[in-house]
Amino acid sequence: AAVATQPDAVKKASGSLLRRKYVVPFVLACVILACNTATGINS
């Protein structure tokens, strides 16, 4: 409830990926996942 009622949490989701709290973890997760596969594990 606390997260849902924060001022920026009630903004429309269309711009959500452009804010710092979303961009930083999103990019970090993408890099970790890509590098994880690029170790060659699946091949």
ModelCIF file with pLDDT and N, C-alpha, C, O atoms, coordinates in Angstrom:
data_MODEL
#
_entry.id   MODEL 
#
_entity.id                         1 
_entity.type                       polymer 
_entity.pdbx_number_of_molecules   1 
#
_entity_poly.entity_id                      1 
_entity_poly.type                           'polypeptide(L)' 
_entity_poly.nstd_linkage                   no 
_entity_poly.nstd_monomer                   no 
_entity_poly.pdbx_seq_one_letter_code       AAVATQPDAVKKASGSLLRRKYVVPFVLACVILACNTATGINS 
_entity_poly.pdbx_seq_one_letter_code_can   AAVATQPDAVKKASGSLLRRKYVVPFVLACVILACNTATGINS 
_entity_poly.pdbx_strand_id                 A 
#
loop_
_entity_poly_seq.entity_id 
_entity_poly_seq.num 
_entity_poly_seq.mon_id 
_entity_poly_seq.hetero 
1 1  ALA n 
1 2  ALA n 
1 3  VAL n 
1 4  ALA n 
1 5  THR n 
1 6  GLN n 
1 7  PRO n 
1 8  ASP n 
1 9  ALA n 
1 10 VAL n 
1 11 LYS n 
1 12 LYS n 
1 13 ALA n 
1 14 SER n 
1 15 GLY n 
1 16 SER n 
1 17 LEU n 
1 18 LEU n 
1 19 ARG n 
1 20 ARG n 
1 21 LYS n 
1 22 TYR n 
1 23 VAL n 
1 24 VAL n 
1 25 PRO n 
1 26 PHE n 
1 27 VAL n 
1 28 LEU n 
1 29 ALA n 
1 30 CYS n 
1 31 VAL n 
1 32 ILE n 
1 33 LEU n 
1 34 ALA n 
1 35 CYS n 
1 36 ASN n 
1 37 THR n 
1 38 ALA n 
1 39 THR n 
1 40 GLY n 
1 41 ILE n 
1 42 ASN n 
1 43 SER n 
#
_struct_asym.id          A 
_struct_asym.entity_id   1 
#
loop_
_ma_qa_metric.id 
_ma_qa_metric.mode 
_ma_qa_metric.name 
_ma_qa_metric.software_group_id 
_ma_qa_metric.type 
1 global pLDDT . pLDDT 
2 local  pLDDT . pLDDT 
#
_ma_qa_metric_global.metric_id      1 
_ma_qa_metric_global.metric_value   71.67 
_ma_qa_metric_global.model_id       1 
_ma_qa_metric_global.ordinal_id     1 
#
loop_
_ma_qa_metric_local.label_asym_id 
_ma_qa_metric_local.label_comp_id 
_ma_qa_metric_local.label_seq_id 
_ma_qa_metric_local.metric_id 
_ma_qa_metric_local.metric_value 
_ma_qa_metric_local.model_id 
_ma_qa_metric_local.ordinal_id 
A ALA 1  2 78.00 1 1  
A ALA 2  2 74.00 1 2  
A VAL 3  2 66.00 1 3  
A ALA 4  2 64.00 1 4  
A THR 5  2 64.00 1 5  
A GLN 6  2 58.00 1 6  
A PRO 7  2 53.00 1 7  
A ASP 8  2 51.00 1 8  
A ALA 9  2 47.00 1 9  
A VAL 10 2 47.00 1 10 
A LYS 11 2 47.00 1 11 
A LYS 12 2 45.00 1 12 
A ALA 13 2 44.00 1 13 
A SER 14 2 44.00 1 14 
A GLY 15 2 47.00 1 15 
A SER 16 2 48.00 1 16 
A LEU 17 2 52.00 1 17 
A LEU 18 2 62.00 1 18 
A ARG 19 2 68.00 1 19 
A ARG 20 2 70.00 1 20 
A LYS 21 2 70.00 1 21 
A TYR 22 2 72.00 1 22 
A VAL 23 2 79.00 1 23 
A VAL 24 2 80.00 1 24 
A PRO 25 2 82.00 1 25 
A PHE 26 2 82.00 1 26 
A VAL 27 2 84.00 1 27 
A LEU 28 2 86.00 1 28 
A ALA 29 2 83.00 1 29 
A CYS 30 2 85.00 1 30 
A VAL 31 2 88.00 1 31 
A ILE 32 2 88.00 1 32 
A LEU 33 2 85.00 1 33 
A ALA 34 2 88.00 1 34 
A CYS 35 2 90.00 1 35 
A ASN 36 2 90.00 1 36 
A THR 37 2 89.00 1 37 
A ALA 38 2 91.00 1 38 
A THR 39 2 93.00 1 39 
A GLY 40 2 91.00 1 40 
A ILE 41 2 90.00 1 41 
A ASN 42 2 82.00 1 42 
A SER 43 2 85.00 1 43 
#
loop_
_atom_site.group_PDB 
_atom_site.id 
_atom_site.type_symbol 
_atom_site.label_atom_id 
_atom_site.label_alt_id 
_atom_site.label_comp_id 
_atom_site.label_asym_id 
_atom_site.label_entity_id 
_atom_site.label_seq_id 
_atom_site.pdbx_PDB_ins_code 
_atom_site.Cartn_x 
_atom_site.Cartn_y 
_atom_site.Cartn_z 
_atom_site.occupancy 
_atom_site.B_iso_or_equiv 
_atom_site.pdbx_formal_charge 
_atom_site.auth_seq_id 
_atom_site.auth_comp_id 
_atom_site.auth_asym_id 
_atom_site.auth_atom_id 
_atom_site.pdbx_PDB_model_num 
ATOM 1   N N  . ALA A 1 1  ? 0.825  -1.205  0.000   1.00 78.00 ? 1  ALA A N  1 
ATOM 2   C CA . ALA A 1 1  ? 0.000  0.000   0.000   1.00 78.00 ? 1  ALA A CA 1 
ATOM 3   C C  . ALA A 1 1  ? 0.861  1.258   0.000   1.00 78.00 ? 1  ALA A C  1 
ATOM 4   O O  . ALA A 1 1  ? 0.537  2.240   -0.668  1.00 78.00 ? 1  ALA A O  1 
ATOM 5   N N  . ALA A 1 2  ? 1.970  1.223   0.760   1.00 74.00 ? 2  ALA A N  1 
ATOM 6   C CA . ALA A 1 2  ? 2.852  2.387   0.839   1.00 74.00 ? 2  ALA A CA 1 
ATOM 7   C C  . ALA A 1 2  ? 3.475  2.694   -0.520  1.00 74.00 ? 2  ALA A C  1 
ATOM 8   O O  . ALA A 1 2  ? 3.551  3.854   -0.922  1.00 74.00 ? 2  ALA A O  1 
ATOM 9   N N  . VAL A 1 3  ? 3.924  1.649   -1.229  1.00 66.00 ? 3  VAL A N  1 
ATOM 10  C CA . VAL A 1 3  ? 4.511  1.853   -2.550  1.00 66.00 ? 3  VAL A CA 1 
ATOM 11  C C  . VAL A 1 3  ? 3.464  2.343   -3.538  1.00 66.00 ? 3  VAL A C  1 
ATOM 12  O O  . VAL A 1 3  ? 3.730  3.219   -4.361  1.00 66.00 ? 3  VAL A O  1 
ATOM 13  N N  . ALA A 1 4  ? 2.247  1.756   -3.444  1.00 64.00 ? 4  ALA A N  1 
ATOM 14  C CA . ALA A 1 4  ? 1.185  2.096   -4.399  1.00 64.00 ? 4  ALA A CA 1 
ATOM 15  C C  . ALA A 1 4  ? 0.699  3.532   -4.238  1.00 64.00 ? 4  ALA A C  1 
ATOM 16  O O  . ALA A 1 4  ? 0.198  4.120   -5.197  1.00 64.00 ? 4  ALA A O  1 
ATOM 17  N N  . THR A 1 5  ? 0.838  4.110   -3.043  1.00 64.00 ? 5  THR A N  1 
ATOM 18  C CA . THR A 1 5  ? 0.313  5.456   -2.793  1.00 64.00 ? 5  THR A CA 1 
ATOM 19  C C  . THR A 1 5  ? 1.373  6.545   -2.878  1.00 64.00 ? 5  THR A C  1 
ATOM 20  O O  . THR A 1 5  ? 1.067  7.707   -2.612  1.00 64.00 ? 5  THR A O  1 
ATOM 21  N N  . GLN A 1 6  ? 2.613  6.208   -3.241  1.00 58.00 ? 6  GLN A N  1 
ATOM 22  C CA . GLN A 1 6  ? 3.630  7.242   -3.433  1.00 58.00 ? 6  GLN A CA 1 
ATOM 23  C C  . GLN A 1 6  ? 3.232  8.128   -4.609  1.00 58.00 ? 6  GLN A C  1 
ATOM 24  O O  . GLN A 1 6  ? 2.586  7.647   -5.540  1.00 58.00 ? 6  GLN A O  1 
ATOM 25  N N  . PRO A 1 7  ? 3.597  9.393   -4.593  1.00 53.00 ? 7  PRO A N  1 
ATOM 26  C CA . PRO A 1 7  ? 3.177  10.313  -5.663  1.00 53.00 ? 7  PRO A CA 1 
ATOM 27  C C  . PRO A 1 7  ? 3.497  9.826   -7.062  1.00 53.00 ? 7  PRO A C  1 
ATOM 28  O O  . PRO A 1 7  ? 2.646  9.898   -7.949  1.00 53.00 ? 7  PRO A O  1 
ATOM 29  N N  . ASP A 1 8  ? 4.725  9.324   -7.284  1.00 51.00 ? 8  ASP A N  1 
ATOM 30  C CA . ASP A 1 8  ? 5.061  8.918   -8.641  1.00 51.00 ? 8  ASP A CA 1 
ATOM 31  C C  . ASP A 1 8  ? 4.543  7.546   -8.974  1.00 51.00 ? 8  ASP A C  1 
ATOM 32  O O  . ASP A 1 8  ? 4.547  7.155   -10.142 1.00 51.00 ? 8  ASP A O  1 
ATOM 33  N N  . ALA A 1 9  ? 4.092  6.795   -7.976  1.00 47.00 ? 9  ALA A N  1 
ATOM 34  C CA . ALA A 1 9  ? 3.575  5.459   -8.238  1.00 47.00 ? 9  ALA A CA 1 
ATOM 35  C C  . ALA A 1 9  ? 2.217  5.495   -8.879  1.00 47.00 ? 9  ALA A C  1 
ATOM 36  O O  . ALA A 1 9  ? 1.804  4.521   -9.508  1.00 47.00 ? 9  ALA A O  1 
ATOM 37  N N  . VAL A 1 10 ? 1.508  6.602   -8.735  1.00 47.00 ? 10 VAL A N  1 
ATOM 38  C CA . VAL A 1 10 ? 0.166  6.686   -9.311  1.00 47.00 ? 10 VAL A CA 1 
ATOM 39  C C  . VAL A 1 10 ? 0.166  7.331   -10.686 1.00 47.00 ? 10 VAL A C  1 
ATOM 40  O O  . VAL A 1 10 ? -0.887 7.489   -11.303 1.00 47.00 ? 10 VAL A O  1 
ATOM 41  N N  . LYS A 1 11 ? 1.367  7.711   -11.175 1.00 47.00 ? 11 LYS A N  1 
ATOM 42  C CA . LYS A 1 11 ? 1.428  8.250   -12.523 1.00 47.00 ? 11 LYS A CA 1 
ATOM 43  C C  . LYS A 1 11 ? 1.180  7.151   -13.530 1.00 47.00 ? 11 LYS A C  1 
ATOM 44  O O  . LYS A 1 11 ? 1.290  5.967   -13.212 1.00 47.00 ? 11 LYS A O  1 
ATOM 45  N N  . LYS A 1 12 ? 0.853  7.535   -14.715 1.00 45.00 ? 12 LYS A N  1 
ATOM 46  C CA . LYS A 1 12 ? 0.595  6.556   -15.760 1.00 45.00 ? 12 LYS A CA 1 
ATOM 47  C C  . LYS A 1 12 ? 1.857  5.762   -16.058 1.00 45.00 ? 12 LYS A C  1 
ATOM 48  O O  . LYS A 1 12 ? 2.970  6.284   -16.004 1.00 45.00 ? 12 LYS A O  1 
ATOM 49  N N  . ALA A 1 13 ? 1.654  4.467   -16.379 1.00 44.00 ? 13 ALA A N  1 
ATOM 50  C CA . ALA A 1 13 ? 2.791  3.575   -16.602 1.00 44.00 ? 13 ALA A CA 1 
ATOM 51  C C  . ALA A 1 13 ? 3.499  3.846   -17.910 1.00 44.00 ? 13 ALA A C  1 
ATOM 52  O O  . ALA A 1 13 ? 4.596  3.331   -18.125 1.00 44.00 ? 13 ALA A O  1 
ATOM 53  N N  . SER A 1 14 ? 2.903  4.650   -18.809 1.00 44.00 ? 14 SER A N  1 
ATOM 54  C CA . SER A 1 14 ? 3.501  4.871   -20.126 1.00 44.00 ? 14 SER A CA 1 
ATOM 55  C C  . SER A 1 14 ? 4.888  5.486   -20.040 1.00 44.00 ? 14 SER A C  1 
ATOM 56  O O  . SER A 1 14 ? 5.718  5.264   -20.922 1.00 44.00 ? 14 SER A O  1 
ATOM 57  N N  . GLY A 1 15 ? 5.149  6.249   -18.998 1.00 47.00 ? 15 GLY A N  1 
ATOM 58  C CA . GLY A 1 15 ? 6.466  6.837   -18.860 1.00 47.00 ? 15 GLY A CA 1 
ATOM 59  C C  . GLY A 1 15 ? 7.305  6.182   -17.791 1.00 47.00 ? 15 GLY A C  1 
ATOM 60  O O  . GLY A 1 15 ? 8.368  6.698   -17.446 1.00 47.00 ? 15 GLY A O  1 
ATOM 61  N N  . SER A 1 16 ? 6.858  5.059   -17.256 1.00 48.00 ? 16 SER A N  1 
ATOM 62  C CA . SER A 1 16 ? 7.508  4.455   -16.102 1.00 48.00 ? 16 SER A CA 1 
ATOM 63  C C  . SER A 1 16 ? 8.927  4.010   -16.396 1.00 48.00 ? 16 SER A C  1 
ATOM 64  O O  . SER A 1 16 ? 9.787  4.098   -15.519 1.00 48.00 ? 16 SER A O  1 
ATOM 65  N N  . LEU A 1 17 ? 9.196  3.539   -17.593 1.00 52.00 ? 17 LEU A N  1 
ATOM 66  C CA . LEU A 1 17 ? 10.522 3.047   -17.911 1.00 52.00 ? 17 LEU A CA 1 
ATOM 67  C C  . LEU A 1 17 ? 11.531 4.171   -18.102 1.00 52.00 ? 17 LEU A C  1 
ATOM 68  O O  . LEU A 1 17 ? 12.723 3.906   -18.257 1.00 52.00 ? 17 LEU A O  1 
ATOM 69  N N  . LEU A 1 18 ? 11.081 5.410   -18.094 1.00 62.00 ? 18 LEU A N  1 
ATOM 70  C CA . LEU A 1 18 ? 11.973 6.536   -18.301 1.00 62.00 ? 18 LEU A CA 1 
ATOM 71  C C  . LEU A 1 18 ? 12.446 7.166   -16.999 1.00 62.00 ? 18 LEU A C  1 
ATOM 72  O O  . LEU A 1 18 ? 13.278 8.072   -17.028 1.00 62.00 ? 18 LEU A O  1 
ATOM 73  N N  . ARG A 1 19 ? 11.942 6.716   -15.869 1.00 68.00 ? 19 ARG A N  1 
ATOM 74  C CA . ARG A 1 19 ? 12.341 7.290   -14.585 1.00 68.00 ? 19 ARG A CA 1 
ATOM 75  C C  . ARG A 1 19 ? 13.463 6.469   -13.959 1.00 68.00 ? 19 ARG A C  1 
ATOM 76  O O  . ARG A 1 19 ? 13.575 5.265   -14.187 1.00 68.00 ? 19 ARG A O  1 
ATOM 77  N N  . ARG A 1 20 ? 14.282 7.139   -13.172 1.00 70.00 ? 20 ARG A N  1 
ATOM 78  C CA . ARG A 1 20 ? 15.494 6.535   -12.630 1.00 70.00 ? 20 ARG A CA 1 
ATOM 79  C C  . ARG A 1 20 ? 15.220 5.238   -11.885 1.00 70.00 ? 20 ARG A C  1 
ATOM 80  O O  . ARG A 1 20 ? 15.954 4.264   -12.052 1.00 70.00 ? 20 ARG A O  1 
ATOM 81  N N  . LYS A 1 21 ? 14.181 5.208   -11.072 1.00 70.00 ? 21 LYS A N  1 
ATOM 82  C CA . LYS A 1 21 ? 13.904 4.034   -10.245 1.00 70.00 ? 21 LYS A CA 1 
ATOM 83  C C  . LYS A 1 21 ? 13.590 2.809   -11.091 1.00 70.00 ? 21 LYS A C  1 
ATOM 84  O O  . LYS A 1 21 ? 13.656 1.683   -10.598 1.00 70.00 ? 21 LYS A O  1 
ATOM 85  N N  . TYR A 1 22 ? 13.251 3.016   -12.357 1.00 72.00 ? 22 TYR A N  1 
ATOM 86  C CA . TYR A 1 22 ? 12.961 1.901   -13.256 1.00 72.00 ? 22 TYR A CA 1 
ATOM 87  C C  . TYR A 1 22 ? 14.112 1.658   -14.231 1.00 72.00 ? 22 TYR A C  1 
ATOM 88  O O  . TYR A 1 22 ? 14.440 0.511   -14.534 1.00 72.00 ? 22 TYR A O  1 
ATOM 89  N N  . VAL A 1 23 ? 14.722 2.734   -14.719 1.00 79.00 ? 23 VAL A N  1 
ATOM 90  C CA . VAL A 1 23 ? 15.769 2.583   -15.726 1.00 79.00 ? 23 VAL A CA 1 
ATOM 91  C C  . VAL A 1 23 ? 16.973 1.844   -15.166 1.00 79.00 ? 23 VAL A C  1 
ATOM 92  O O  . VAL A 1 23 ? 17.477 0.920   -15.803 1.00 79.00 ? 23 VAL A O  1 
ATOM 93  N N  . VAL A 1 24 ? 17.448 2.239   -13.972 1.00 80.00 ? 24 VAL A N  1 
ATOM 94  C CA . VAL A 1 24 ? 18.669 1.654   -13.416 1.00 80.00 ? 24 VAL A CA 1 
ATOM 95  C C  . VAL A 1 24 ? 18.522 0.153   -13.178 1.00 80.00 ? 24 VAL A C  1 
ATOM 96  O O  . VAL A 1 24 ? 19.347 -0.608  -13.683 1.00 80.00 ? 24 VAL A O  1 
ATOM 97  N N  . PRO A 1 25 ? 17.507 -0.315  -12.431 1.00 82.00 ? 25 PRO A N  1 
ATOM 98  C CA . PRO A 1 25 ? 17.398 -1.764  -12.237 1.00 82.00 ? 25 PRO A CA 1 
ATOM 99  C C  . PRO A 1 25 ? 17.094 -2.522  -13.519 1.00 82.00 ? 25 PRO A C  1 
ATOM 100 O O  . PRO A 1 25 ? 17.536 -3.658  -13.690 1.00 82.00 ? 25 PRO A O  1 
ATOM 101 N N  . PHE A 1 26 ? 16.341 -1.899  -14.422 1.00 82.00 ? 26 PHE A N  1 
ATOM 102 C CA . PHE A 1 26 ? 16.013 -2.555  -15.686 1.00 82.00 ? 26 PHE A CA 1 
ATOM 103 C C  . PHE A 1 26 ? 17.275 -2.796  -16.515 1.00 82.00 ? 26 PHE A C  1 
ATOM 104 O O  . PHE A 1 26 ? 17.497 -3.904  -17.004 1.00 82.00 ? 26 PHE A O  1 
ATOM 105 N N  . VAL A 1 27 ? 18.098 -1.764  -16.672 1.00 84.00 ? 27 VAL A N  1 
ATOM 106 C CA . VAL A 1 27 ? 19.329 -1.903  -17.447 1.00 84.00 ? 27 VAL A CA 1 
ATOM 107 C C  . VAL A 1 27 ? 20.270 -2.900  -16.777 1.00 84.00 ? 27 VAL A C  1 
ATOM 108 O O  . VAL A 1 27 ? 20.897 -3.720  -17.448 1.00 84.00 ? 27 VAL A O  1 
ATOM 109 N N  . LEU A 1 28 ? 20.364 -2.824  -15.445 1.00 86.00 ? 28 LEU A N  1 
ATOM 110 C CA . LEU A 1 28 ? 21.236 -3.736  -14.711 1.00 86.00 ? 28 LEU A CA 1 
ATOM 111 C C  . LEU A 1 28 ? 20.803 -5.185  -14.912 1.00 86.00 ? 28 LEU A C  1 
ATOM 112 O O  . LEU A 1 28 ? 21.639 -6.059  -15.143 1.00 86.00 ? 28 LEU A O  1 
ATOM 113 N N  . ALA A 1 29 ? 19.495 -5.441  -14.826 1.00 83.00 ? 29 ALA A N  1 
ATOM 114 C CA . ALA A 1 29 ? 18.986 -6.797  -15.032 1.00 83.00 ? 29 ALA A CA 1 
ATOM 115 C C  . ALA A 1 29 ? 19.263 -7.281  -16.451 1.00 83.00 ? 29 ALA A C  1 
ATOM 116 O O  . ALA A 1 29 ? 19.621 -8.441  -16.657 1.00 83.00 ? 29 ALA A O  1 
ATOM 117 N N  . CYS A 1 30 ? 19.097 -6.388  -17.433 1.00 85.00 ? 30 CYS A N  1 
ATOM 118 C CA . CYS A 1 30 ? 19.348 -6.760  -18.833 1.00 85.00 ? 30 CYS A CA 1 
ATOM 119 C C  . CYS A 1 30 ? 20.808 -7.142  -19.047 1.00 85.00 ? 30 CYS A C  1 
ATOM 120 O O  . CYS A 1 30 ? 21.104 -8.139  -19.705 1.00 85.00 ? 30 CYS A O  1 
ATOM 121 N N  . VAL A 1 31 ? 21.717 -6.347  -18.490 1.00 88.00 ? 31 VAL A N  1 
ATOM 122 C CA . VAL A 1 31 ? 23.150 -6.621  -18.663 1.00 88.00 ? 31 VAL A CA 1 
ATOM 123 C C  . VAL A 1 31 ? 23.517 -7.943  -17.991 1.00 88.00 ? 31 VAL A C  1 
ATOM 124 O O  . VAL A 1 31 ? 24.248 -8.750  -18.566 1.00 88.00 ? 31 VAL A O  1 
ATOM 125 N N  . ILE A 1 32 ? 23.012 -8.168  -16.780 1.00 88.00 ? 32 ILE A N  1 
ATOM 126 C CA . ILE A 1 32 ? 23.321 -9.406  -16.061 1.00 88.00 ? 32 ILE A CA 1 
ATOM 127 C C  . ILE A 1 32 ? 22.801 -10.619 -16.825 1.00 88.00 ? 32 ILE A C  1 
ATOM 128 O O  . ILE A 1 32 ? 23.505 -11.621 -16.956 1.00 88.00 ? 32 ILE A O  1 
ATOM 129 N N  . LEU A 1 33 ? 21.580 -10.533 -17.325 1.00 85.00 ? 33 LEU A N  1 
ATOM 130 C CA . LEU A 1 33 ? 21.009 -11.666 -18.053 1.00 85.00 ? 33 LEU A CA 1 
ATOM 131 C C  . LEU A 1 33 ? 21.754 -11.938 -19.352 1.00 85.00 ? 33 LEU A C  1 
ATOM 132 O O  . LEU A 1 33 ? 22.049 -13.090 -19.671 1.00 85.00 ? 33 LEU A O  1 
ATOM 133 N N  . ALA A 1 34 ? 22.061 -10.878 -20.107 1.00 88.00 ? 34 ALA A N  1 
ATOM 134 C CA . ALA A 1 34 ? 22.783 -11.060 -21.376 1.00 88.00 ? 34 ALA A CA 1 
ATOM 135 C C  . ALA A 1 34 ? 24.164 -11.666 -21.133 1.00 88.00 ? 34 ALA A C  1 
ATOM 136 O O  . ALA A 1 34 ? 24.575 -12.584 -21.842 1.00 88.00 ? 34 ALA A O  1 
ATOM 137 N N  . CYS A 1 35 ? 24.876 -11.154 -20.134 1.00 90.00 ? 35 CYS A N  1 
ATOM 138 C CA . CYS A 1 35 ? 26.198 -11.682 -19.824 1.00 90.00 ? 35 CYS A CA 1 
ATOM 139 C C  . CYS A 1 35 ? 26.123 -13.111 -19.304 1.00 90.00 ? 35 CYS A C  1 
ATOM 140 O O  . CYS A 1 35 ? 27.009 -13.923 -19.571 1.00 90.00 ? 35 CYS A O  1 
ATOM 141 N N  . ASN A 1 36 ? 25.070 -13.415 -18.567 1.00 90.00 ? 36 ASN A N  1 
ATOM 142 C CA . ASN A 1 36 ? 24.908 -14.771 -18.057 1.00 90.00 ? 36 ASN A CA 1 
ATOM 143 C C  . ASN A 1 36 ? 24.845 -15.777 -19.204 1.00 90.00 ? 36 ASN A C  1 
ATOM 144 O O  . ASN A 1 36 ? 25.486 -16.826 -19.148 1.00 90.00 ? 36 ASN A O  1 
ATOM 145 N N  . THR A 1 37 ? 24.076 -15.458 -20.237 1.00 89.00 ? 37 THR A N  1 
ATOM 146 C CA . THR A 1 37 ? 23.977 -16.341 -21.389 1.00 89.00 ? 37 THR A CA 1 
ATOM 147 C C  . THR A 1 37 ? 25.260 -16.324 -22.210 1.00 89.00 ? 37 THR A C  1 
ATOM 148 O O  . THR A 1 37 ? 25.663 -17.344 -22.769 1.00 89.00 ? 37 THR A O  1 
ATOM 149 N N  . ALA A 1 38 ? 25.906 -15.144 -22.278 1.00 91.00 ? 38 ALA A N  1 
ATOM 150 C CA . ALA A 1 38 ? 27.120 -15.012 -23.079 1.00 91.00 ? 38 ALA A CA 1 
ATOM 151 C C  . ALA A 1 38 ? 28.312 -15.754 -22.481 1.00 91.00 ? 38 ALA A C  1 
ATOM 152 O O  . ALA A 1 38 ? 29.355 -15.845 -23.129 1.00 91.00 ? 38 ALA A O  1 
ATOM 153 N N  . THR A 1 39 ? 28.192 -16.283 -21.276 1.00 93.00 ? 39 THR A N  1 
ATOM 154 C CA . THR A 1 39 ? 29.224 -17.187 -20.771 1.00 93.00 ? 39 THR A CA 1 
ATOM 155 C C  . THR A 1 39 ? 29.300 -18.458 -21.613 1.00 93.00 ? 39 THR A C  1 
ATOM 156 O O  . THR A 1 39 ? 30.268 -19.213 -21.521 1.00 93.00 ? 39 THR A O  1 
ATOM 157 N N  . GLY A 1 40 ? 28.264 -18.693 -22.445 1.00 91.00 ? 40 GLY A N  1 
ATOM 158 C CA . GLY A 1 40 ? 28.225 -19.890 -23.285 1.00 91.00 ? 40 GLY A CA 1 
ATOM 159 C C  . GLY A 1 40 ? 27.509 -21.053 -22.648 1.00 91.00 ? 40 GLY A C  1 
ATOM 160 O O  . GLY A 1 40 ? 27.568 -22.169 -23.165 1.00 91.00 ? 40 GLY A O  1 
ATOM 161 N N  . ILE A 1 41 ? 26.828 -20.822 -21.531 1.00 90.00 ? 41 ILE A N  1 
ATOM 162 C CA . ILE A 1 41 ? 26.245 -21.919 -20.770 1.00 90.00 ? 41 ILE A CA 1 
ATOM 163 C C  . ILE A 1 41 ? 25.302 -22.775 -21.606 1.00 90.00 ? 41 ILE A C  1 
ATOM 164 O O  . ILE A 1 41 ? 25.398 -24.002 -21.563 1.00 90.00 ? 41 ILE A O  1 
ATOM 165 N N  . ASN A 1 42 ? 24.397 -22.165 -22.363 1.00 82.00 ? 42 ASN A N  1 
ATOM 166 C CA . ASN A 1 42 ? 23.442 -22.954 -23.141 1.00 82.00 ? 42 ASN A CA 1 
ATOM 167 C C  . ASN A 1 42 ? 24.116 -23.696 -24.282 1.00 82.00 ? 42 ASN A C  1 
ATOM 168 O O  . ASN A 1 42 ? 23.771 -24.844 -24.558 1.00 82.00 ? 42 ASN A O  1 
ATOM 169 N N  . SER A 1 43 ? 25.069 -23.063 -24.948 1.00 85.00 ? 43 SER A N  1 
ATOM 170 C CA . SER A 1 43 ? 25.789 -23.728 -26.041 1.00 85.00 ? 43 SER A CA 1 
ATOM 171 C C  . SER A 1 43 ? 26.648 -24.872 -25.514 1.00 85.00 ? 43 SER A C  1 
ATOM 172 O O  . SER A 1 43 ? 27.324 -25.545 -26.292 1.00 85.00 ? 43 SER A O  1 
#
